[in-house]
PDB file of N, CA and C in Angstrom:
ATOM      1  N   MET A   1      -0.838  22.183   9.660  1.00  0.00           N
ATOM      2  CA  MET A   1      -0.302  21.914   8.343  1.00  0.00           C
ATOM      3  C   MET A   1      -0.998  22.850   7.350  1.00  0.00           C
ATOM      4  N   THR A   2      -0.213  23.519   6.565  1.00  0.00           N
ATOM      5  CA  THR A   2      -0.778  24.426   5.566  1.00  0.00           C
ATOM      6  C   THR A   2      -1.415  23.623   4.436  1.00  0.00           C
ATOM      7  N   ARG A   3      -2.226  24.301   3.655  1.00  0.00           N
ATOM      8  CA  ARG A   3      -2.885  23.632   2.527  1.00  0.00           C
ATOM      9  C   ARG A   3      -1.847  23.077   1.552  1.00  0.00           C
ATOM     10  N   MET A   4      -0.809  23.870   1.294  1.00  0.00           N
ATOM     11  CA  MET A   4       0.239  23.442   0.368  1.00  0.00           C
ATOM     12  C   MET A   4       0.953  22.204   0.908  1.00  0.00           C
ATOM     13  N   ALA A   5       1.263  22.206   2.190  1.00  0.00           N
ATOM     14  CA  ALA A   5       1.937  21.057   2.790  1.00  0.00           C
ATOM     15  C   ALA A   5       1.037  19.826   2.757  1.00  0.00           C
ATOM     16  N   ALA A   6      -0.246  20.010   2.993  1.00  0.00           N
ATOM     17  CA  ALA A   6      -1.187  18.889   2.958  1.00  0.00           C
ATOM     18  C   ALA A   6      -1.281  18.306   1.549  1.00  0.00           C
ATOM     19  N   GLU A   7      -1.306  19.163   0.542  1.00  0.00           N
ATOM     20  CA  GLU A   7      -1.357  18.691  -0.845  1.00  0.00           C
ATOM     21  C   GLU A   7      -0.086  17.931  -1.208  1.00  0.00           C
ATOM     22  N   GLU A   8       1.053  18.451  -0.780  1.00  0.00           N
ATOM     23  CA  GLU A   8       2.333  17.785  -1.046  1.00  0.00           C
ATOM     24  C   GLU A   8       2.365  16.416  -0.365  1.00  0.00           C
ATOM     25  N   PHE A   9       1.879  16.368   0.865  1.00  0.00           N
ATOM     26  CA  PHE A   9       1.832  15.100   1.595  1.00  0.00           C
ATOM     27  C   PHE A   9       0.940  14.095   0.868  1.00  0.00           C
ATOM     28  N   GLN A  10      -0.208  14.542   0.379  1.00  0.00           N
ATOM     29  CA  GLN A  10      -1.121  13.658  -0.350  1.00  0.00           C
ATOM     30  C   GLN A  10      -0.483  13.145  -1.640  1.00  0.00           C
ATOM     31  N   ARG A  11       0.220  14.011  -2.349  1.00  0.00           N
ATOM     32  CA  ARG A  11       0.923  13.594  -3.573  1.00  0.00           C
ATOM     33  C   ARG A  11       1.986  12.548  -3.256  1.00  0.00           C
ATOM     34  N   LEU A  12       2.742  12.800  -2.195  1.00  0.00           N
ATOM     35  CA  LEU A  12       3.795  11.873  -1.788  1.00  0.00           C
ATOM     36  C   LEU A  12       3.199  10.529  -1.381  1.00  0.00           C
ATOM     37  N   GLU A  13       2.114  10.565  -0.642  1.00  0.00           N
ATOM     38  CA  GLU A  13       1.465   9.328  -0.199  1.00  0.00           C
ATOM     39  C   GLU A  13       0.930   8.528  -1.391  1.00  0.00           C
ATOM     40  N   ALA A  14       0.308   9.203  -2.339  1.00  0.00           N
ATOM     41  CA  ALA A  14      -0.206   8.528  -3.533  1.00  0.00           C
ATOM     42  C   ALA A  14       0.940   7.928  -4.343  1.00  0.00           C
ATOM     43  N   MET A  15       2.036   8.661  -4.456  1.00  0.00           N
ATOM     44  CA  MET A  15       3.207   8.191  -5.191  1.00  0.00           C
ATOM     45  C   MET A  15       3.804   6.964  -4.506  1.00  0.00           C
ATOM     46  N   ARG A  16       3.890   7.024  -3.194  1.00  0.00           N
ATOM     47  CA  ARG A  16       4.436   5.922  -2.407  1.00  0.00           C
ATOM     48  C   ARG A  16       3.613   4.654  -2.623  1.00  0.00           C
ATOM     49  N   GLN A  17       2.317   4.768  -2.519  1.00  0.00           N
ATOM     50  CA  GLN A  17       1.441   3.607  -2.680  1.00  0.00           C
ATOM     51  C   GLN A  17       1.486   3.058  -4.102  1.00  0.00           C
ATOM     52  N   SER A  18       1.489   3.952  -5.068  1.00  0.00           N
ATOM     53  CA  SER A  18       1.528   3.544  -6.470  1.00  0.00           C
ATOM     54  C   SER A  18       2.828   2.811  -6.799  1.00  0.00           C
ATOM     55  N   MET A  19       3.940   3.344  -6.311  1.00  0.00           N
ATOM     56  CA  MET A  19       5.233   2.734  -6.588  1.00  0.00           C
ATOM     57  C   MET A  19       5.297   1.326  -6.002  1.00  0.00           C
ATOM     58  N   ARG A  20       4.854   1.186  -4.783  1.00  0.00           N
ATOM     59  CA  ARG A  20       4.881  -0.131  -4.140  1.00  0.00           C
ATOM     60  C   ARG A  20       3.948  -1.108  -4.858  1.00  0.00           C
ATOM     61  N   ARG A  21       2.764  -0.653  -5.222  1.00  0.00           N
ATOM     62  CA  ARG A  21       1.801  -1.509  -5.923  1.00  0.00           C
ATOM     63  C   ARG A  21       2.388  -2.004  -7.252  1.00  0.00           C
ATOM     64  N   GLU A  22       2.970  -1.086  -8.022  1.00  0.00           N
ATOM     65  CA  GLU A  22       3.556  -1.456  -9.315  1.00  0.00           C
ATOM     66  C   GLU A  22       4.738  -2.402  -9.136  1.00  0.00           C
ATOM     67  N   ARG A  23       5.544  -2.144  -8.122  1.00  0.00           N
ATOM     68  CA  ARG A  23       6.695  -3.012  -7.860  1.00  0.00           C
ATOM     69  C   ARG A  23       6.225  -4.425  -7.514  1.00  0.00           C
ATOM     70  N   CYS A  24       5.217  -4.513  -6.691  1.00  0.00           N
ATOM     71  CA  CYS A  24       4.698  -5.827  -6.298  1.00  0.00           C
ATOM     72  C   CYS A  24       4.036  -6.547  -7.471  1.00  0.00           C
ATOM     73  N   LEU A  25       3.332  -5.807  -8.318  1.00  0.00           N
ATOM     74  CA  LEU A  25       2.709  -6.417  -9.496  1.00  0.00           C
ATOM     75  C   LEU A  25       3.750  -7.034 -10.427  1.00  0.00           C
ATOM     76  N   ARG A  26       4.914  -6.409 -10.480  1.00  0.00           N
ATOM     77  CA  ARG A  26       6.000  -6.927 -11.327  1.00  0.00           C
ATOM     78  C   ARG A  26       6.814  -8.009 -10.622  1.00  0.00           C
ATOM     79  N   ASN A  27       6.484  -8.222  -9.346  1.00  0.00           N
ATOM     80  CA  ASN A  27       7.206  -9.192  -8.525  1.00  0.00           C
ATOM     81  C   ASN A  27       8.687  -8.831  -8.403  1.00  0.00           C
ATOM     82  N   TRP A  28       8.953  -7.520  -8.276  1.00  0.00           N
ATOM     83  CA  TRP A  28      10.319  -7.024  -8.129  1.00  0.00           C
ATOM     84  C   TRP A  28      10.600  -6.721  -6.665  1.00  0.00           C
ATOM     85  N   THR A  29      11.833  -6.916  -6.276  1.00  0.00           N
ATOM     86  CA  THR A  29      12.286  -6.456  -4.968  1.00  0.00           C
ATOM     87  C   THR A  29      12.593  -4.962  -5.066  1.00  0.00           C
ATOM     88  N   ALA A  30      12.782  -4.332  -3.913  1.00  0.00           N
ATOM     89  CA  ALA A  30      13.177  -2.923  -3.918  1.00  0.00           C
ATOM     90  C   ALA A  30      14.541  -2.770  -4.582  1.00  0.00           C
ATOM     91  N   ALA A  31      15.407  -3.746  -4.393  1.00  0.00           N
ATOM     92  CA  ALA A  31      16.732  -3.703  -5.029  1.00  0.00           C
ATOM     93  C   ALA A  31      16.605  -3.758  -6.550  1.00  0.00           C
ATOM     94  N   ARG A  32      15.713  -4.593  -7.049  1.00  0.00           N
ATOM     95  CA  ARG A  32      15.510  -4.692  -8.503  1.00  0.00           C
ATOM     96  C   ARG A  32      14.964  -3.379  -9.051  1.00  0.00           C
ATOM     97  N   LEU A  33      14.022  -2.771  -8.343  1.00  0.00           N
ATOM     98  CA  LEU A  33      13.479  -1.491  -8.789  1.00  0.00           C
ATOM     99  C   LEU A  33      14.578  -0.436  -8.837  1.00  0.00           C
ATOM    100  N   ALA A  34      15.444  -0.429  -7.847  1.00  0.00           N
ATOM    101  CA  ALA A  34      16.561   0.520  -7.836  1.00  0.00           C
ATOM    102  C   ALA A  34      17.472   0.287  -9.042  1.00  0.00           C
ATOM    103  N   GLN A  35      17.759  -0.966  -9.354  1.00  0.00           N
ATOM    104  CA  GLN A  35      18.595  -1.290 -10.516  1.00  0.00           C
ATOM    105  C   GLN A  35      17.944  -0.819 -11.811  1.00  0.00           C
ATOM    106  N   GLU A  36      16.653  -1.064 -11.951  1.00  0.00           N
ATOM    107  CA  GLU A  36      15.939  -0.662 -13.163  1.00  0.00           C
ATOM    108  C   GLU A  36      15.905   0.862 -13.296  1.00  0.00           C
ATOM    109  N   ALA A  37      15.747   1.557 -12.187  1.00  0.00           N
ATOM    110  CA  ALA A  37      15.758   3.020 -12.216  1.00  0.00           C
ATOM    111  C   ALA A  37      17.135   3.535 -12.631  1.00  0.00           C
ATOM    112  N   CYS A  38      18.186   2.888 -12.143  1.00  0.00           N
ATOM    113  CA  CYS A  38      19.546   3.282 -12.534  1.00  0.00           C
ATOM    114  C   CYS A  38      19.767   3.073 -14.030  1.00  0.00           C
ATOM    115  N   LYS A  39      19.228   1.980 -14.575  1.00  0.00           N
ATOM    116  CA  LYS A  39      19.329   1.737 -16.018  1.00  0.00           C
ATOM    117  C   LYS A  39      18.592   2.820 -16.806  1.00  0.00           C
ATOM    118  N   ALA A  40      17.384   3.170 -16.344  1.00  0.00           N
ATOM    119  CA  ALA A  40      16.595   4.208 -17.021  1.00  0.00           C
ATOM    120  C   ALA A  40      17.334   5.538 -16.988  1.00  0.00           C
ATOM    121  N   ALA A  41      17.951   5.853 -15.856  1.00  0.00           N
ATOM    122  CA  ALA A  41      18.709   7.098 -15.739  1.00  0.00           C
ATOM    123  C   ALA A  41      19.911   7.078 -16.679  1.00  0.00           C
ATOM    124  N   LYS A  42      20.605   5.949 -16.728  1.00  0.00           N
ATOM    125  CA  LYS A  42      21.780   5.834 -17.598  1.00  0.00           C
ATOM    126  C   LYS A  42      21.395   6.037 -19.058  1.00  0.00           C
ATOM    127  N   ASN A  43      20.228   5.514 -19.450  1.00  0.00           N
ATOM    128  CA  ASN A  43      19.745   5.705 -20.824  1.00  0.00           C
ATOM    129  C   ASN A  43      19.501   7.173 -21.146  1.00  0.00           C
ATOM    130  N   ARG A  44      19.311   7.975 -20.119  1.00  0.00           N
ATOM    131  CA  ARG A  44      19.108   9.421 -20.287  1.00  0.00           C
ATOM    132  C   ARG A  44      20.388  10.214 -20.028  1.00  0.00           C
ATOM    133  N   GLY A  45      21.486   9.498 -19.836  1.00  0.00           N
ATOM    134  CA  GLY A  45      22.763  10.161 -19.625  1.00  0.00           C
ATOM    135  C   GLY A  45      23.002  10.636 -18.207  1.00  0.00           C
ATOM    136  N   VAL A  46      22.275  10.055 -17.248  1.00  0.00           N
ATOM    137  CA  VAL A  46      22.399  10.451 -15.839  1.00  0.00           C
ATOM    138  C   VAL A  46      23.008   9.296 -15.064  1.00  0.00           C
ATOM    139  N   ASP A  47      24.016   9.598 -14.256  1.00  0.00           N
ATOM    140  CA  ASP A  47      24.666   8.597 -13.418  1.00  0.00           C
ATOM    141  C   ASP A  47      23.959   8.590 -12.062  1.00  0.00           C
ATOM    142  N   LEU A  48      23.029   7.671 -11.886  1.00  0.00           N
ATOM    143  CA  LEU A  48      22.217   7.595 -10.675  1.00  0.00           C
ATOM    144  C   LEU A  48      22.715   6.454  -9.805  1.00  0.00           C
ATOM    145  N   HIS A  49      22.913   6.735  -8.535  1.00  0.00           N
ATOM    146  CA  HIS A  49      23.345   5.717  -7.575  1.00  0.00           C
ATOM    147  C   HIS A  49      22.210   5.495  -6.582  1.00  0.00           C
ATOM    148  N   LEU A  50      21.182   4.797  -7.025  1.00  0.00           N
ATOM    149  CA  LEU A  50      20.007   4.542  -6.203  1.00  0.00           C
ATOM    150  C   LEU A  50      20.118   3.151  -5.603  1.00  0.00           C
ATOM    151  N   LYS A  51      19.831   3.046  -4.336  1.00  0.00           N
ATOM    152  CA  LYS A  51      19.931   1.770  -3.621  1.00  0.00           C
ATOM    153  C   LYS A  51      18.572   1.341  -3.086  1.00  0.00           C
ATOM    154  N   GLN A  52      18.478   0.101  -2.724  1.00  0.00           N
ATOM    155  CA  GLN A  52      17.262  -0.478  -2.154  1.00  0.00           C
ATOM    156  C   GLN A  52      16.798   0.308  -0.932  1.00  0.00           C
ATOM    157  N   GLN A  53      17.731   0.798  -0.139  1.00  0.00           N
ATOM    158  CA  GLN A  53      17.376   1.517   1.081  1.00  0.00           C
ATOM    159  C   GLN A  53      16.559   2.771   0.784  1.00  0.00           C
ATOM    160  N   SER A  54      16.861   3.446  -0.302  1.00  0.00           N
ATOM    161  CA  SER A  54      16.113   4.652  -0.668  1.00  0.00           C
ATOM    162  C   SER A  54      14.703   4.303  -1.124  1.00  0.00           C
ATOM    163  N   ILE A  55      14.571   3.220  -1.875  1.00  0.00           N
ATOM    164  CA  ILE A  55      13.249   2.755  -2.302  1.00  0.00           C
ATOM    165  C   ILE A  55      12.424   2.409  -1.067  1.00  0.00           C
ATOM    166  N   SER A  56      13.008   1.657  -0.155  1.00  0.00           N
ATOM    167  CA  SER A  56      12.311   1.259   1.066  1.00  0.00           C
ATOM    168  C   SER A  56      11.925   2.462   1.914  1.00  0.00           C
ATOM    169  N   ALA A  57      12.818   3.429   2.012  1.00  0.00           N
ATOM    170  CA  ALA A  57      12.520   4.624   2.807  1.00  0.00           C
ATOM    171  C   ALA A  57      11.295   5.355   2.267  1.00  0.00           C
ATOM    172  N   LEU A  58      11.180   5.441   0.955  1.00  0.00           N
ATOM    173  CA  LEU A  58      10.002   6.084   0.367  1.00  0.00           C
ATOM    174  C   LEU A  58       8.757   5.242   0.620  1.00  0.00           C
ATOM    175  N   GLU A  59       8.844   3.952   0.375  1.00  0.00           N
ATOM    176  CA  GLU A  59       7.679   3.084   0.553  1.00  0.00           C
ATOM    177  C   GLU A  59       7.193   3.043   1.997  1.00  0.00           C
ATOM    178  N   LEU A  60       8.095   3.164   2.930  1.00  0.00           N
ATOM    179  CA  LEU A  60       7.731   3.111   4.351  1.00  0.00           C
ATOM    180  C   LEU A  60       7.334   4.469   4.920  1.00  0.00           C
ATOM    181  N   GLY A  61       7.353   5.498   4.088  1.00  0.00           N
ATOM    182  CA  GLY A  61       6.931   6.818   4.537  1.00  0.00           C
ATOM    183  C   GLY A  61       7.983   7.591   5.304  1.00  0.00           C
ATOM    184  N   ARG A  62       9.230   7.202   5.178  1.00  0.00           N
ATOM    185  CA  ARG A  62      10.307   7.884   5.903  1.00  0.00           C
ATOM    186  C   ARG A  62      10.789   9.147   5.205  1.00  0.00           C
ATOM    187  N   LEU A  63      10.507   9.269   3.908  1.00  0.00           N
ATOM    188  CA  LEU A  63      10.894  10.479   3.176  1.00  0.00           C
ATOM    189  C   LEU A  63       9.766  11.492   3.282  1.00  0.00           C
ATOM    190  N   LYS A  64      10.118  12.737   3.476  1.00  0.00           N
ATOM    191  CA  LYS A  64       9.117  13.781   3.688  1.00  0.00           C
ATOM    192  C   LYS A  64       8.909  14.670   2.472  1.00  0.00           C
ATOM    193  N   SER A  65       9.619  14.385   1.407  1.00  0.00           N
ATOM    194  CA  SER A  65       9.429  15.133   0.164  1.00  0.00           C
ATOM    195  C   SER A  65       9.651  14.177  -1.009  1.00  0.00           C
ATOM    196  N   ILE A  66       9.200  14.597  -2.165  1.00  0.00           N
ATOM    197  CA  ILE A  66       9.338  13.761  -3.354  1.00  0.00           C
ATOM    198  C   ILE A  66      10.808  13.741  -3.774  1.00  0.00           C
ATOM    199  N   PRO A  67      11.425  12.565  -3.853  1.00  0.00           N
ATOM    200  CA  PRO A  67      12.849  12.482  -4.178  1.00  0.00           C
ATOM    201  C   PRO A  67      13.132  12.794  -5.646  1.00  0.00           C
ATOM    202  N   TYR A  68      14.316  13.306  -5.895  1.00  0.00           N
ATOM    203  CA  TYR A  68      14.717  13.676  -7.255  1.00  0.00           C
ATOM    204  C   TYR A  68      14.739  12.474  -8.193  1.00  0.00           C
ATOM    205  N   TRP A  69      14.964  11.293  -7.670  1.00  0.00           N
ATOM    206  CA  TRP A  69      15.128  10.107  -8.500  1.00  0.00           C
ATOM    207  C   TRP A  69      13.810   9.473  -8.933  1.00  0.00           C
ATOM    208  N   ILE A  70      12.692   9.993  -8.472  1.00  0.00           N
ATOM    209  CA  ILE A  70      11.404   9.360  -8.757  1.00  0.00           C
ATOM    210  C   ILE A  70      11.110   9.296 -10.258  1.00  0.00           C
ATOM    211  N   GLU A  71      11.586  10.271 -11.022  1.00  0.00           N
ATOM    212  CA  GLU A  71      11.317  10.252 -12.466  1.00  0.00           C
ATOM    213  C   GLU A  71      11.943   9.039 -13.149  1.00  0.00           C
ATOM    214  N   TYR A  72      13.017   8.515 -12.587  1.00  0.00           N
ATOM    215  CA  TYR A  72      13.663   7.347 -13.178  1.00  0.00           C
ATOM    216  C   TYR A  72      12.974   6.055 -12.746  1.00  0.00           C
ATOM    217  N   VAL A  73      12.379   6.058 -11.592  1.00  0.00           N
ATOM    218  CA  VAL A  73      11.597   4.912 -11.133  1.00  0.00           C
ATOM    219  C   VAL A  73      10.356   4.777 -11.998  1.00  0.00           C
ATOM    220  N   ASN A  74       9.781   5.904 -12.375  1.00  0.00           N
ATOM    221  CA  ASN A  74       8.562   5.915 -13.180  1.00  0.00           C
ATOM    222  C   ASN A  74       8.825   5.713 -14.665  1.00  0.00           C
ATOM    223  N   ALA A  75      10.089   5.659 -15.061  1.00  0.00           N
ATOM    224  CA  ALA A  75      10.426   5.555 -16.491  1.00  0.00           C
ATOM    225  C   ALA A  75      10.130   4.181 -17.047  1.00  0.00           C
TER     226      ALA A  75
END
């Protein structure tokens, strides 16, 4: 693994853990987080179709890169 790939992996892992921790602190399901992200995107004029499965895939480490929709989850 190159240094760049290792750094990207570490960023993704930190993001994954942080997202799950924040979701659990709010007592939200993955589906609720997806809904809230879609609302945040809509407020910015973006039509986002994010589903619970995508949230779960990130939290479970199935995604290998940072998804485009993460900025709306963090909003």
